[in-house]
């Protein structure tokens, strides 16, 4: 079995996962903004929706850090596996 092919497949899965996560958060933020604009200002519902929008926006700002860590772990795993075999 080709181990190099497995490594590329793992990277493709990571890329697809990050893309899907980005699309979902973008849709959630857009829908949340639309819902909030239809609510009465300073109501409990509008405040809760605003809090949700803020929380999702914070998650998306951390997405690049998460991807960097996952790629670093993947590369370290390749190095360990490559130097570990004789």
PDB file of N, CA and C in Angstrom:
ATOM      1  N   UNK A   1       0.847  -1.184   0.000  1.00  0.00           N
ATOM      2  CA  UNK A   1       0.000   0.000   0.000  1.00  0.00           C
ATOM      3  C   UNK A   1       0.889   1.242   0.000  1.00  0.00           C
ATOM      4  N   UNK A   2       0.514   2.251  -0.758  1.00  0.00           N
ATOM      5  CA  UNK A   2       1.300   3.465  -0.894  1.00  0.00           C
ATOM      6  C   UNK A   2       0.997   4.418   0.264  1.00  0.00           C
ATOM      7  N   UNK A   3       1.976   4.607   1.159  1.00  0.00           N
ATOM      8  CA  UNK A   3       1.765   5.496   2.307  1.00  0.00           C
ATOM      9  C   UNK A   3       1.707   6.955   1.888  1.00  0.00           C
ATOM     10  N   UNK A   4       2.408   7.314   0.813  1.00  0.00           N
ATOM     11  CA  UNK A   4       2.371   8.705   0.348  1.00  0.00           C
ATOM     12  C   UNK A   4       0.958   9.083  -0.100  1.00  0.00           C
ATOM     13  N   UNK A   5       0.268   8.168  -0.727  1.00  0.00           N
ATOM     14  CA  UNK A   5      -1.107   8.423  -1.148  1.00  0.00           C
ATOM     15  C   UNK A   5      -2.033   8.637   0.028  1.00  0.00           C
ATOM     16  N   UNK A   6      -1.797   7.914   1.105  1.00  0.00           N
ATOM     17  CA  UNK A   6      -2.609   8.088   2.307  1.00  0.00           C
ATOM     18  C   UNK A   6      -2.394   9.468   2.911  1.00  0.00           C
ATOM     19  N   UNK A   7      -1.171   9.964   2.888  1.00  0.00           N
ATOM     20  CA  UNK A   7      -0.870  11.276   3.437  1.00  0.00           C
ATOM     21  C   UNK A   7      -1.555  12.383   2.638  1.00  0.00           C
ATOM     22  N   UNK A   8      -1.560  12.243   1.325  1.00  0.00           N
ATOM     23  CA  UNK A   8      -2.233  13.233   0.483  1.00  0.00           C
ATOM     24  C   UNK A   8      -3.731  13.199   0.726  1.00  0.00           C
ATOM     25  N   UNK A   9      -4.298  12.016   0.900  1.00  0.00           N
ATOM     26  CA  UNK A   9      -5.727  11.900   1.181  1.00  0.00           C
ATOM     27  C   UNK A   9      -6.086  12.585   2.495  1.00  0.00           C
ATOM     28  N   UNK A  10      -5.214  12.488   3.485  1.00  0.00           N
ATOM     29  CA  UNK A  10      -5.470  13.156   4.762  1.00  0.00           C
ATOM     30  C   UNK A  10      -5.470  14.667   4.591  1.00  0.00           C
ATOM     31  N   UNK A  11      -4.572  15.180   3.764  1.00  0.00           N
ATOM     32  CA  UNK A  11      -4.538  16.626   3.520  1.00  0.00           C
ATOM     33  C   UNK A  11      -5.770  17.093   2.751  1.00  0.00           C
ATOM     34  N   UNK A  12      -6.228  16.279   1.815  1.00  0.00           N
ATOM     35  CA  UNK A  12      -7.438  16.629   1.065  1.00  0.00           C
ATOM     36  C   UNK A  12      -8.638  16.676   2.015  1.00  0.00           C
ATOM     37  N   UNK A  13      -8.723  15.712   2.906  1.00  0.00           N
ATOM     38  CA  UNK A  13      -9.803  15.711   3.892  1.00  0.00           C
ATOM     39  C   UNK A  13      -9.756  16.939   4.781  1.00  0.00           C
ATOM     40  N   UNK A  14      -8.563  17.344   5.190  1.00  0.00           N
ATOM     41  CA  UNK A  14      -8.401  18.548   6.002  1.00  0.00           C
ATOM     42  C   UNK A  14      -8.864  19.785   5.239  1.00  0.00           C
ATOM     43  N   UNK A  15      -8.462  19.897   3.987  1.00  0.00           N
ATOM     44  CA  UNK A  15      -8.847  21.057   3.188  1.00  0.00           C
ATOM     45  C   UNK A  15     -10.356  21.133   2.988  1.00  0.00           C
ATOM     46  N   UNK A  16     -10.971  20.002   2.723  1.00  0.00           N
ATOM     47  CA  UNK A  16     -12.425  19.973   2.547  1.00  0.00           C
ATOM     48  C   UNK A  16     -13.124  20.333   3.858  1.00  0.00           C
ATOM     49  N   UNK A  17     -12.633  19.804   4.957  1.00  0.00           N
ATOM     50  CA  UNK A  17     -13.220  20.112   6.262  1.00  0.00           C
ATOM     51  C   UNK A  17     -13.137  21.579   6.615  1.00  0.00           C
ATOM     52  N   UNK A  18     -11.998  22.199   6.354  1.00  0.00           N
ATOM     53  CA  UNK A  18     -11.834  23.627   6.633  1.00  0.00           C
ATOM     54  C   UNK A  18     -12.747  24.449   5.726  1.00  0.00           C
ATOM     55  N   UNK A  19     -12.844  24.055   4.467  1.00  0.00           N
ATOM     56  CA  UNK A  19     -13.728  24.779   3.555  1.00  0.00           C
ATOM     57  C   UNK A  19     -15.183  24.698   3.981  1.00  0.00           C
ATOM     58  N   UNK A  20     -15.617  23.521   4.366  1.00  0.00           N
ATOM     59  CA  UNK A  20     -17.004  23.353   4.826  1.00  0.00           C
ATOM     60  C   UNK A  20     -17.249  24.141   6.103  1.00  0.00           C
ATOM     61  N   UNK A  21     -16.299  24.109   7.027  1.00  0.00           N
ATOM     62  CA  UNK A  21     -16.449  24.873   8.275  1.00  0.00           C
ATOM     63  C   UNK A  21     -16.555  26.369   7.995  1.00  0.00           C
ATOM     64  N   UNK A  22     -15.752  26.865   7.058  1.00  0.00           N
ATOM     65  CA  UNK A  22     -15.817  28.277   6.687  1.00  0.00           C
ATOM     66  C   UNK A  22     -17.153  28.659   6.063  1.00  0.00           C
ATOM     67  N   UNK A  23     -17.656  27.805   5.193  1.00  0.00           N
ATOM     68  CA  UNK A  23     -18.951  28.078   4.566  1.00  0.00           C
ATOM     69  C   UNK A  23     -20.091  28.068   5.587  1.00  0.00           C
ATOM     70  N   UNK A  24     -20.060  27.097   6.483  1.00  0.00           N
ATOM     71  CA  UNK A  24     -21.119  27.014   7.493  1.00  0.00           C
ATOM     72  C   UNK A  24     -21.113  28.243   8.390  1.00  0.00           C
ATOM     73  N   UNK A  25     -19.934  28.660   8.838  1.00  0.00           N
ATOM     74  CA  UNK A  25     -19.883  29.842   9.710  1.00  0.00           C
ATOM     75  C   UNK A  25     -20.302  31.102   8.967  1.00  0.00           C
ATOM     76  N   UNK A  26     -19.966  31.203   7.689  1.00  0.00           N
ATOM     77  CA  UNK A  26     -20.397  32.365   6.912  1.00  0.00           C
ATOM     78  C   UNK A  26     -21.918  32.415   6.796  1.00  0.00           C
ATOM     79  N   UNK A  27     -22.527  31.253   6.538  1.00  0.00           N
ATOM     80  CA  UNK A  27     -23.989  31.208   6.448  1.00  0.00           C
ATOM     81  C   UNK A  27     -24.640  31.520   7.791  1.00  0.00           C
ATOM     82  N   UNK A  28     -24.070  30.994   8.869  1.00  0.00           N
ATOM     83  CA  UNK A  28     -24.622  31.264  10.206  1.00  0.00           C
ATOM     84  C   UNK A  28     -24.556  32.753  10.518  1.00  0.00           C
ATOM     85  N   UNK A  29     -23.446  33.392  10.188  1.00  0.00           N
ATOM     86  CA  UNK A  29     -23.318  34.830  10.443  1.00  0.00           C
ATOM     87  C   UNK A  29     -24.298  35.642   9.593  1.00  0.00           C
ATOM     88  N   UNK A  30     -24.475  35.256   8.347  1.00  0.00           N
ATOM     89  CA  UNK A  30     -25.407  35.970   7.473  1.00  0.00           C
ATOM     90  C   UNK A  30     -26.846  35.803   7.950  1.00  0.00           C
ATOM     91  N   UNK A  31     -27.234  34.596   8.287  1.00  0.00           N
ATOM     92  CA  UNK A  31     -28.596  34.351   8.766  1.00  0.00           C
ATOM     93  C   UNK A  31     -28.824  35.055  10.096  1.00  0.00           C
ATOM     94  N   UNK A  32     -27.824  35.002  10.998  1.00  0.00           N
ATOM     95  CA  UNK A  32     -27.944  35.699  12.277  1.00  0.00           C
ATOM     96  C   UNK A  32     -28.121  37.191  12.109  1.00  0.00           C
ATOM     97  N   UNK A  33     -27.390  37.776  11.181  1.00  0.00           N
ATOM     98  CA  UNK A  33     -27.549  39.209  10.909  1.00  0.00           C
ATOM     99  C   UNK A  33     -28.927  39.538  10.368  1.00  0.00           C
ATOM    100  N   UNK A  34     -29.429  38.700   9.480  1.00  0.00           N
ATOM    101  CA  UNK A  34     -30.778  38.921   8.939  1.00  0.00           C
ATOM    102  C   UNK A  34     -31.840  38.808  10.022  1.00  0.00           C
ATOM    103  N   UNK A  35     -31.696  37.817  10.891  1.00  0.00           N
ATOM    104  CA  UNK A  35     -32.669  37.619  11.967  1.00  0.00           C
ATOM    105  C   UNK A  35     -32.624  38.791  12.940  1.00  0.00           C
ATOM    106  N   UNK A  36     -31.420  39.239  13.277  1.00  0.00           N
ATOM    107  CA  UNK A  36     -31.288  40.337  14.240  1.00  0.00           C
ATOM    108  C   UNK A  36     -31.878  41.631  13.691  1.00  0.00           C
ATOM    109  N   UNK A  37     -31.750  41.853  12.387  1.00  0.00           N
ATOM    110  CA  UNK A  37     -32.281  43.095  11.816  1.00  0.00           C
ATOM    111  C   UNK A  37     -33.808  43.146  11.851  1.00  0.00           C
ATOM    112  N   UNK A  38     -34.455  41.982  11.968  1.00  0.00           N
ATOM    113  CA  UNK A  38     -35.914  41.935  12.033  1.00  0.00           C
ATOM    114  C   UNK A  38     -36.454  42.069  13.452  1.00  0.00           C
ATOM    115  N   UNK A  39     -35.574  42.125  14.446  1.00  0.00           N
ATOM    116  CA  UNK A  39     -36.015  42.159  15.845  1.00  0.00           C
ATOM    117  C   UNK A  39     -36.034  43.582  16.385  1.00  0.00           C
ATOM    118  N   UNK A  40     -36.767  43.745  17.483  1.00  0.00           N
ATOM    119  CA  UNK A  40     -36.827  45.030  18.168  1.00  0.00           C
ATOM    120  C   UNK A  40     -35.478  45.306  18.823  1.00  0.00           C
ATOM    121  N   UNK A  41     -34.989  46.525  18.653  1.00  0.00           N
ATOM    122  CA  UNK A  41     -33.700  46.897  19.223  1.00  0.00           C
ATOM    123  C   UNK A  41     -33.736  46.787  20.742  1.00  0.00           C
ATOM    124  N   UNK A  42     -32.669  46.283  21.329  1.00  0.00           N
ATOM    125  CA  UNK A  42     -32.469  46.129  22.775  1.00  0.00           C
ATOM    126  C   UNK A  42     -33.423  45.126  23.424  1.00  0.00           C
ATOM    127  N   UNK A  43     -34.076  44.287  22.642  1.00  0.00           N
ATOM    128  CA  UNK A  43     -34.892  43.233  23.242  1.00  0.00           C
ATOM    129  C   UNK A  43     -33.975  42.076  23.629  1.00  0.00           C
ATOM    130  N   UNK A  44     -34.489  41.189  24.451  1.00  0.00           N
ATOM    131  CA  UNK A  44     -33.687  40.040  24.879  1.00  0.00           C
ATOM    132  C   UNK A  44     -33.310  39.168  23.685  1.00  0.00           C
ATOM    133  N   UNK A  45     -34.225  39.031  22.744  1.00  0.00           N
ATOM    134  CA  UNK A  45     -33.956  38.212  21.556  1.00  0.00           C
ATOM    135  C   UNK A  45     -32.853  38.825  20.708  1.00  0.00           C
ATOM    136  N   UNK A  46     -32.919  40.150  20.525  1.00  0.00           N
ATOM    137  CA  UNK A  46     -31.896  40.829  19.727  1.00  0.00           C
ATOM    138  C   UNK A  46     -30.538  40.747  20.407  1.00  0.00           C
ATOM    139  N   UNK A  47     -30.524  40.878  21.727  1.00  0.00           N
ATOM    140  CA  UNK A  47     -29.263  40.774  22.454  1.00  0.00           C
ATOM    141  C   UNK A  47     -28.685  39.363  22.369  1.00  0.00           C
ATOM    142  N   UNK A  48     -29.542  38.341  22.479  1.00  0.00           N
ATOM    143  CA  UNK A  48     -29.079  36.951  22.379  1.00  0.00           C
ATOM    144  C   UNK A  48     -28.536  36.667  20.980  1.00  0.00           C
ATOM    145  N   UNK A  49     -29.213  37.178  19.968  1.00  0.00           N
ATOM    146  CA  UNK A  49     -28.743  36.983  18.598  1.00  0.00           C
ATOM    147  C   UNK A  49     -27.412  37.693  18.381  1.00  0.00           C
ATOM    148  N   UNK A  50     -27.283  38.888  18.924  1.00  0.00           N
ATOM    149  CA  UNK A  50     -26.016  39.615  18.828  1.00  0.00           C
ATOM    150  C   UNK A  50     -24.882  38.878  19.518  1.00  0.00           C
ATOM    151  N   UNK A  51     -25.172  38.274  20.669  1.00  0.00           N
ATOM    152  CA  UNK A  51     -24.166  37.489  21.376  1.00  0.00           C
ATOM    153  C   UNK A  51     -23.746  36.263  20.561  1.00  0.00           C
ATOM    154  N   UNK A  52     -24.723  35.632  19.897  1.00  0.00           N
ATOM    155  CA  UNK A  52     -24.413  34.480  19.056  1.00  0.00           C
ATOM    156  C   UNK A  52     -23.522  34.889  17.891  1.00  0.00           C
ATOM    157  N   UNK A  53     -23.819  36.006  17.275  1.00  0.00           N
ATOM    158  CA  UNK A  53     -23.015  36.493  16.153  1.00  0.00           C
ATOM    159  C   UNK A  53     -21.587  36.767  16.613  1.00  0.00           C
ATOM    160  N   UNK A  54     -21.447  37.392  17.767  1.00  0.00           N
ATOM    161  CA  UNK A  54     -20.115  37.680  18.306  1.00  0.00           C
ATOM    162  C   UNK A  54     -19.346  36.399  18.592  1.00  0.00           C
ATOM    163  N   UNK A  55     -20.011  35.402  19.173  1.00  0.00           N
ATOM    164  CA  UNK A  55     -19.349  34.130  19.502  1.00  0.00           C
ATOM    165  C   UNK A  55     -18.886  33.402  18.245  1.00  0.00           C
ATOM    166  N   UNK A  56     -19.737  33.355  17.209  1.00  0.00           N
ATOM    167  CA  UNK A  56     -19.358  32.671  15.974  1.00  0.00           C
ATOM    168  C   UNK A  56     -18.220  33.419  15.282  1.00  0.00           C
ATOM    169  N   UNK A  57     -18.241  34.743  15.331  1.00  0.00           N
ATOM    170  CA  UNK A  57     -17.161  35.524  14.726  1.00  0.00           C
ATOM    171  C   UNK A  57     -15.828  35.259  15.423  1.00  0.00           C
ATOM    172  N   UNK A  58     -15.861  35.054  16.739  1.00  0.00           N
ATOM    173  CA  UNK A  58     -14.624  34.740  17.462  1.00  0.00           C
ATOM    174  C   UNK A  58     -14.084  33.373  17.051  1.00  0.00           C
ATOM    175  N   UNK A  59     -14.977  32.423  16.822  1.00  0.00           N
ATOM    176  CA  UNK A  59     -14.546  31.091  16.397  1.00  0.00           C
ATOM    177  C   UNK A  59     -13.869  31.159  15.036  1.00  0.00           C
ATOM    178  N   UNK A  60     -14.441  31.914  14.119  1.00  0.00           N
ATOM    179  CA  UNK A  60     -13.854  31.998  12.776  1.00  0.00           C
ATOM    180  C   UNK A  60     -12.508  32.693  12.803  1.00  0.00           C
ATOM    181  N   UNK A  61     -12.301  33.608  13.736  1.00  0.00           N
ATOM    182  CA  UNK A  61     -10.995  34.261  13.811  1.00  0.00           C
ATOM    183  C   UNK A  61      -9.922  33.295  14.293  1.00  0.00           C
ATOM    184  N   UNK A  62     -10.304  32.241  14.979  1.00  0.00           N
ATOM    185  CA  UNK A  62      -9.355  31.232  15.469  1.00  0.00           C
ATOM    186  C   UNK A  62      -9.149  30.087  14.477  1.00  0.00           C
ATOM    187  N   UNK A  63      -9.896  30.062  13.390  1.00  0.00           N
ATOM    188  CA  UNK A  63      -9.823  28.952  12.438  1.00  0.00           C
ATOM    189  C   UNK A  63      -8.427  28.817  11.826  1.00  0.00           C
ATOM    190  N   UNK A  64      -7.773  29.921  11.520  1.00  0.00           N
ATOM    191  CA  UNK A  64      -6.433  29.841  10.924  1.00  0.00           C
ATOM    192  C   UNK A  64      -5.430  29.251  11.909  1.00  0.00           C
ATOM    193  N   UNK A  65      -5.562  29.562  13.190  1.00  0.00           N
ATOM    194  CA  UNK A  65      -4.660  29.001  14.198  1.00  0.00           C
ATOM    195  C   UNK A  65      -4.876  27.498  14.308  1.00  0.00           C
ATOM    196  N   UNK A  66      -6.134  27.073  14.299  1.00  0.00           N
ATOM    197  CA  UNK A  66      -6.452  25.651  14.386  1.00  0.00           C
ATOM    198  C   UNK A  66      -5.877  24.899  13.192  1.00  0.00           C
ATOM    199  N   UNK A  67      -6.022  25.449  12.003  1.00  0.00           N
ATOM    200  CA  UNK A  67      -5.495  24.804  10.796  1.00  0.00           C
ATOM    201  C   UNK A  67      -3.975  24.721  10.855  1.00  0.00           C
ATOM    202  N   UNK A  68      -3.325  25.786  11.320  1.00  0.00           N
ATOM    203  CA  UNK A  68      -1.867  25.777  11.430  1.00  0.00           C
ATOM    204  C   UNK A  68      -1.394  24.688  12.383  1.00  0.00           C
ATOM    205  N   UNK A  69      -2.067  24.533  13.501  1.00  0.00           N
ATOM    206  CA  UNK A  69      -1.688  23.503  14.475  1.00  0.00           C
ATOM    207  C   UNK A  69      -1.895  22.110  13.888  1.00  0.00           C
ATOM    208  N   UNK A  70      -3.011  21.895  13.208  1.00  0.00           N
ATOM    209  CA  UNK A  70      -3.283  20.576  12.619  1.00  0.00           C
ATOM    210  C   UNK A  70      -2.241  20.235  11.559  1.00  0.00           C
ATOM    211  N   UNK A  71      -1.866  21.193  10.727  1.00  0.00           N
ATOM    212  CA  UNK A  71      -0.851  20.943   9.700  1.00  0.00           C
ATOM    213  C   UNK A  71       0.505  20.670  10.342  1.00  0.00           C
ATOM    214  N   UNK A  72       0.847  21.414  11.406  1.00  0.00           N
ATOM    215  CA  UNK A  72       2.113  21.178  12.099  1.00  0.00           C
ATOM    216  C   UNK A  72       2.156  19.772  12.696  1.00  0.00           C
ATOM    217  N   UNK A  73       1.057  19.342  13.297  1.00  0.00           N
ATOM    218  CA  UNK A  73       0.999  17.988  13.860  1.00  0.00           C
ATOM    219  C   UNK A  73       1.139  16.957  12.747  1.00  0.00           C
ATOM    220  N   UNK A  74       0.511  17.209  11.618  1.00  0.00           N
ATOM    221  CA  UNK A  74       0.593  16.291  10.480  1.00  0.00           C
ATOM    222  C   UNK A  74       2.034  16.188   9.990  1.00  0.00           C
ATOM    223  N   UNK A  75       2.729  17.313   9.853  1.00  0.00           N
ATOM    224  CA  UNK A  75       4.116  17.316   9.377  1.00  0.00           C
ATOM    225  C   UNK A  75       5.037  16.631  10.387  1.00  0.00           C
ATOM    226  N   UNK A  76       4.837  16.903  11.674  1.00  0.00           N
ATOM    227  CA  UNK A  76       5.647  16.245  12.698  1.00  0.00           C
ATOM    228  C   UNK A  76       5.423  14.736  12.653  1.00  0.00           C
ATOM    229  N   UNK A  77       4.187  14.320  12.451  1.00  0.00           N
ATOM    230  CA  UNK A  77       3.900  12.892  12.329  1.00  0.00           C
ATOM    231  C   UNK A  77       4.611  12.267  11.144  1.00  0.00           C
ATOM    232  N   UNK A  78       4.659  12.975  10.013  1.00  0.00           N
ATOM    233  CA  UNK A  78       5.384  12.466   8.844  1.00  0.00           C
ATOM    234  C   UNK A  78       6.872  12.348   9.131  1.00  0.00           C
ATOM    235  N   UNK A  79       7.426  13.341   9.809  1.00  0.00           N
ATOM    236  CA  UNK A  79       8.859  13.306  10.128  1.00  0.00           C
ATOM    237  C   UNK A  79       9.181  12.154  11.083  1.00  0.00           C
ATOM    238  N   UNK A  80       8.358  11.987  12.107  1.00  0.00           N
ATOM    239  CA  UNK A  80       8.593  10.911  13.059  1.00  0.00           C
ATOM    240  C   UNK A  80       8.478   9.557  12.365  1.00  0.00           C
ATOM    241  N   UNK A  81       7.475   9.399  11.539  1.00  0.00           N
ATOM    242  CA  UNK A  81       7.289   8.138  10.822  1.00  0.00           C
ATOM    243  C   UNK A  81       8.439   7.897   9.843  1.00  0.00           C
ATOM    244  N   UNK A  82       8.907   8.956   9.175  1.00  0.00           N
ATOM    245  CA  UNK A  82       9.983   8.805   8.202  1.00  0.00           C
ATOM    246  C   UNK A  82      11.318   8.475   8.852  1.00  0.00           C
ATOM    247  N   UNK A  83      11.631   9.097   9.978  1.00  0.00           N
ATOM    248  CA  UNK A  83      12.893   8.819  10.648  1.00  0.00           C
ATOM    249  C   UNK A  83      12.815   7.565  11.511  1.00  0.00           C
ATOM    250  N   UNK A  84      11.632   7.126  11.820  1.00  0.00           N
ATOM    251  CA  UNK A  84      11.470   5.956  12.686  1.00  0.00           C
ATOM    252  C   UNK A  84      11.656   4.636  11.945  1.00  0.00           C
ATOM    253  N   UNK A  85      11.470   4.632  10.625  1.00  0.00           N
ATOM    254  CA  UNK A  85      11.614   3.394   9.857  1.00  0.00           C
ATOM    255  C   UNK A  85      13.024   3.273   9.318  1.00  0.00           C
ATOM    256  N   UNK A  86      13.463   2.053   9.143  1.00  0.00           N
ATOM    257  CA  UNK A  86      14.844   1.849   8.626  1.00  0.00           C
ATOM    258  C   UNK A  86      14.804   1.150   7.324  1.00  0.00           C
TER     259      UNK A  86
END
